[in-house]
C-alpha atoms as a PDB file:
ATOM      1  CA  UNK A   1     196.557 173.368  14.728  1.00  0.00           C
ATOM      2  CA  UNK A   2     196.415 169.608  14.970  1.00  0.00           C
ATOM      3  CA  UNK A   3     199.866 169.587  16.581  1.00  0.00           C
ATOM      4  CA  UNK A   4     198.797 172.098  19.189  1.00  0.00           C
ATOM      5  CA  UNK A   5     195.777 170.123  20.248  1.00  0.00           C
ATOM      6  CA  UNK A   6     197.984 166.948  20.305  1.00  0.00           C
ATOM      7  CA  UNK A   7     200.723 168.592  22.653  1.00  0.00           C
ATOM      8  CA  UNK A   8     197.881 169.934  25.030  1.00  0.00           C
ATOM      9  CA  UNK A   9     196.300 166.540  25.275  1.00  0.00           C
ATOM     10  CA  UNK A  10     199.603 164.852  25.978  1.00  0.00           C
ATOM     11  CA  UNK A  11     200.198 167.525  28.772  1.00  0.00           C
ATOM     12  CA  UNK A  12     196.809 166.931  30.157  1.00  0.00           C
ATOM     13  CA  UNK A  13     196.904 163.168  30.347  1.00  0.00           C
ATOM     14  CA  UNK A  14     198.950 162.711  33.546  1.00  0.00           C
ATOM     15  CA  UNK A  15     196.822 165.043  35.634  1.00  0.00           C
ATOM     16  CA  UNK A  16     193.664 163.347  34.243  1.00  0.00           C
ATOM     17  CA  UNK A  17     195.007 159.961  35.170  1.00  0.00           C
ATOM     18  CA  UNK A  18     195.863 161.140  38.839  1.00  0.00           C
ATOM     19  CA  UNK A  19     192.491 162.502  39.189  1.00  0.00           C
ATOM     20  CA  UNK A  20     190.800 159.344  38.130  1.00  0.00           C
ATOM     21  CA  UNK A  21     192.937 157.390  40.486  1.00  0.00           C
ATOM     22  CA  UNK A  22     192.151 159.781  43.324  1.00  0.00           C
ATOM     23  CA  UNK A  23     188.399 159.402  42.630  1.00  0.00           C
ATOM     24  CA  UNK A  24     188.649 155.602  42.553  1.00  0.00           C
ATOM     25  CA  UNK A  25     190.538 155.730  46.057  1.00  0.00           C
ATOM     26  CA  UNK A  26     187.976 158.068  47.429  1.00  0.00           C
ATOM     27  CA  UNK A  27     185.014 155.916  46.182  1.00  0.00           C
ATOM     28  CA  UNK A  28     186.781 152.839  47.545  1.00  0.00           C
ATOM     29  CA  UNK A  29     187.024 154.421  51.039  1.00  0.00           C
ATOM     30  CA  UNK A  30     183.271 155.497  50.896  1.00  0.00           C
ATOM     31  CA  UNK A  31     182.343 151.939  49.853  1.00  0.00           C
ATOM     32  CA  UNK A  32     184.278 150.369  52.758  1.00  0.00           C
ATOM     33  CA  UNK A  33     182.562 152.923  55.090  1.00  0.00           C
ATOM     34  CA  UNK A  34     179.119 151.951  53.652  1.00  0.00           C
ATOM     35  CA  UNK A  35     179.860 148.168  54.142  1.00  0.00           C
ATOM     36  CA  UNK A  36     180.902 148.834  57.688  1.00  0.00           C
ATOM     37  CA  UNK A  37     177.800 151.037  58.384  1.00  0.00           C
ATOM     38  CA  UNK A  38     175.576 148.334  56.859  1.00  0.00           C
ATOM     39  CA  UNK A  39     176.969 145.631  58.898  1.00  0.00           C
ATOM     40  CA  UNK A  40     176.734 147.606  62.254  1.00  0.00           C
ATOM     41  CA  UNK A  41     173.025 148.398  61.233  1.00  0.00           C
ATOM     42  CA  UNK A  42     172.204 144.801  60.224  1.00  0.00           C
ATOM     43  CA  UNK A  43     172.927 143.306  63.724  1.00  0.00           C
ATOM     44  CA  UNK A  44     170.422 145.430  65.533  1.00  0.00           C
ATOM     45  CA  UNK A  45     167.849 145.170  62.711  1.00  0.00           C
ATOM     46  CA  UNK A  46     167.622 141.268  63.149  1.00  0.00           C
ATOM     47  CA  UNK A  47     168.829 141.055  66.814  1.00  0.00           C
ATOM     48  CA  UNK A  48     171.730 138.836  65.837  1.00  0.00           C
ATOM     49  CA  UNK A  49     175.480 138.917  64.849  1.00  0.00           C
ATOM     50  CA  UNK A  50     176.050 140.309  61.543  1.00  0.00           C
ATOM     51  CA  UNK A  51     179.318 139.259  59.787  1.00  0.00           C
ATOM     52  CA  UNK A  52     181.135 141.553  57.340  1.00  0.00           C
ATOM     53  CA  UNK A  53     183.055 139.135  55.264  1.00  0.00           C
ATOM     54  CA  UNK A  54     186.226 140.420  53.316  1.00  0.00           C
ATOM     55  CA  UNK A  55     187.447 138.551  50.384  1.00  0.00           C
ATOM     56  CA  UNK A  56     190.769 140.090  48.963  1.00  0.00           C
ATOM     57  CA  UNK A  57     190.898 137.661  46.226  1.00  0.00           C
ATOM     58  CA  UNK A  58     187.501 138.505  44.796  1.00  0.00           C
ATOM     59  CA  UNK A  59     188.168 142.248  46.008  1.00  0.00           C
ATOM     60  CA  UNK A  60     184.806 142.136  47.661  1.00  0.00           C
ATOM     61  CA  UNK A  61     182.948 142.573  51.002  1.00  0.00           C
ATOM     62  CA  UNK A  62     179.405 141.303  51.898  1.00  0.00           C
ATOM     63  CA  UNK A  63     177.355 141.399  55.023  1.00  0.00           C
ATOM     64  CA  UNK A  64     175.529 138.081  56.329  1.00  0.00           C
ATOM     65  CA  UNK A  65     173.415 137.368  59.097  1.00  0.00           C
ATOM     66  CA  UNK A  66     171.917 134.122  60.399  1.00  0.00           C
ATOM     67  CA  UNK A  67     168.210 134.758  60.989  1.00  0.00           C
ATOM     68  CA  UNK A  68     167.333 131.195  61.732  1.00  0.00           C
ATOM     69  CA  UNK A  69     166.325 129.583  65.208  1.00  0.00           C
ATOM     70  CA  UNK A  70     168.126 127.247  67.487  1.00  0.00           C
ATOM     71  CA  UNK A  71     166.863 124.263  65.184  1.00  0.00           C
ATOM     72  CA  UNK A  72     167.734 125.709  61.744  1.00  0.00           C
ATOM     73  CA  UNK A  73     170.067 128.032  60.133  1.00  0.00           C
ATOM     74  CA  UNK A  74     168.788 130.725  57.577  1.00  0.00           C
ATOM     75  CA  UNK A  75     171.492 132.771  56.412  1.00  0.00           C
ATOM     76  CA  UNK A  76     170.843 135.883  54.281  1.00  0.00           C
ATOM     77  CA  UNK A  77     173.277 138.115  52.514  1.00  0.00           C
ATOM     78  CA  UNK A  78     172.274 141.782  53.109  1.00  0.00           C
ATOM     79  CA  UNK A  79     174.457 143.363  50.239  1.00  0.00           C
ATOM     80  CA  UNK A  80     177.593 142.450  48.366  1.00  0.00           C
ATOM     81  CA  UNK A  81     180.159 145.151  47.614  1.00  0.00           C
ATOM     82  CA  UNK A  82     182.250 144.508  44.542  1.00  0.00           C
ATOM     83  CA  UNK A  83     185.327 146.787  44.603  1.00  0.00           C
ATOM     84  CA  UNK A  84     187.346 145.710  41.503  1.00  0.00           C
ATOM     85  CA  UNK A  85     184.077 145.272  39.239  1.00  0.00           C
ATOM     86  CA  UNK A  86     182.233 148.427  40.409  1.00  0.00           C
ATOM     87  CA  UNK A  87     185.239 150.725  41.123  1.00  0.00           C
ATOM     88  CA  UNK A  88     188.299 149.333  39.670  1.00  0.00           C
ATOM     89  CA  UNK A  89     190.062 149.104  43.023  1.00  0.00           C
ATOM     90  CA  UNK A  90     191.630 146.319  44.887  1.00  0.00           C
ATOM     91  CA  UNK A  91     191.349 145.440  48.570  1.00  0.00           C
ATOM     92  CA  UNK A  92     193.861 144.246  51.084  1.00  0.00           C
ATOM     93  CA  UNK A  93     192.960 143.473  54.731  1.00  0.00           C
ATOM     94  CA  UNK A  94     194.467 141.972  57.862  1.00  0.00           C
ATOM     95  CA  UNK A  95     190.996 140.505  58.503  1.00  0.00           C
ATOM     96  CA  UNK A  96     188.679 137.967  56.633  1.00  0.00           C
ATOM     97  CA  UNK A  97     185.560 139.050  58.783  1.00  0.00           C
ATOM     98  CA  UNK A  98     184.460 141.574  60.997  1.00  0.00           C
ATOM     99  CA  UNK A  99     181.481 140.709  63.510  1.00  0.00           C
ATOM    100  CA  UNK A 100     178.943 143.049  64.955  1.00  0.00           C
ATOM    101  CA  UNK A 101     176.538 142.175  67.831  1.00  0.00           C
ATOM    102  CA  UNK A 102     172.961 142.899  68.109  1.00  0.00           C
ATOM    103  CA  UNK A 103     173.815 146.354  69.426  1.00  0.00           C
ATOM    104  CA  UNK A 104     175.848 147.149  66.234  1.00  0.00           C
ATOM    105  CA  UNK A 105     179.290 147.070  68.247  1.00  0.00           C
ATOM    106  CA  UNK A 106     182.164 145.108  67.066  1.00  0.00           C
ATOM    107  CA  UNK A 107     182.530 141.670  68.789  1.00  0.00           C
ATOM    108  CA  UNK A 108     184.547 138.497  68.787  1.00  0.00           C
ATOM    109  CA  UNK A 109     183.528 135.028  68.021  1.00  0.00           C
ATOM    110  CA  UNK A 110     184.427 131.990  66.049  1.00  0.00           C
ATOM    111  CA  UNK A 111     184.351 133.836  62.703  1.00  0.00           C
ATOM    112  CA  UNK A 112     185.981 136.886  64.111  1.00  0.00           C
ATOM    113  CA  UNK A 113     188.805 136.262  66.667  1.00  0.00           C
ATOM    114  CA  UNK A 114     189.566 140.029  66.930  1.00  0.00           C
ATOM    115  CA  UNK A 115     187.811 143.276  66.467  1.00  0.00           C
ATOM    116  CA  UNK A 116     189.063 146.276  64.411  1.00  0.00           C
ATOM    117  CA  UNK A 117     191.486 145.921  61.752  1.00  0.00           C
ATOM    118  CA  UNK A 118     193.147 147.523  58.585  1.00  0.00           C
ATOM    119  CA  UNK A 119     191.805 147.824  55.170  1.00  0.00           C
ATOM    120  CA  UNK A 120     193.874 148.919  52.193  1.00  0.00           C
ATOM    121  CA  UNK A 121     192.311 150.285  48.983  1.00  0.00           C
ATOM    122  CA  UNK A 122     194.577 150.392  46.086  1.00  0.00           C
ATOM    123  CA  UNK A 123     194.201 151.770  42.494  1.00  0.00           C
ATOM    124  CA  UNK A 124     197.030 152.222  39.874  1.00  0.00           C
ATOM    125  CA  UNK A 125     200.056 152.169  42.418  1.00  0.00           C
ATOM    126  CA  UNK A 126     198.383 154.471  44.864  1.00  0.00           C
ATOM    127  CA  UNK A 127     196.863 153.347  48.110  1.00  0.00           C
ATOM    128  CA  UNK A 128     194.821 154.357  50.877  1.00  0.00           C
ATOM    129  CA  UNK A 129     194.790 152.542  54.541  1.00  0.00           C
ATOM    130  CA  UNK A 130     191.595 152.647  56.571  1.00  0.00           C
ATOM    131  CA  UNK A 131     192.240 151.865  60.199  1.00  0.00           C
ATOM    132  CA  UNK A 132     189.163 150.471  62.015  1.00  0.00           C
ATOM    133  CA  UNK A 133     188.509 150.726  65.743  1.00  0.00           C
ATOM    134  CA  UNK A 134     187.516 147.832  67.960  1.00  0.00           C
ATOM    135  CA  UNK A 135     183.695 148.938  67.554  1.00  0.00           C
ATOM    136  CA  UNK A 136     183.951 148.930  63.771  1.00  0.00           C
ATOM    137  CA  UNK A 137     184.340 152.584  63.036  1.00  0.00           C
ATOM    138  CA  UNK A 138     186.876 154.032  60.509  1.00  0.00           C
ATOM    139  CA  UNK A 139     189.585 155.979  62.393  1.00  0.00           C
END
């Protein structure tokens, strides 16, 4: 009886691992989409440029906006998304930042020399690529 349970468990292990990896990738995609949506909404909320920072070393993204005036800077962090810590996935990207103007549309600037980009979410040898349009939406 114990032998039968052991054999069944050994047969079920690979599909369970694949299901977990697929779920991690799907959750990673959703988290990237949430981060982009927050960045697009933060610009209009404050009437300023919002920057979505992408750190592939820390596997994290965060949204920042400078709410200060001409005389002083007052930068706030709207939210931090930790991919490795929260989901067990890693990030790769061809951008370190994406900027969104006060209307929530992708824009360029000193921190963001180009709009759009590519973000790769990986887990256990599997990967999913998200193509970002110039306005900051996932294609």
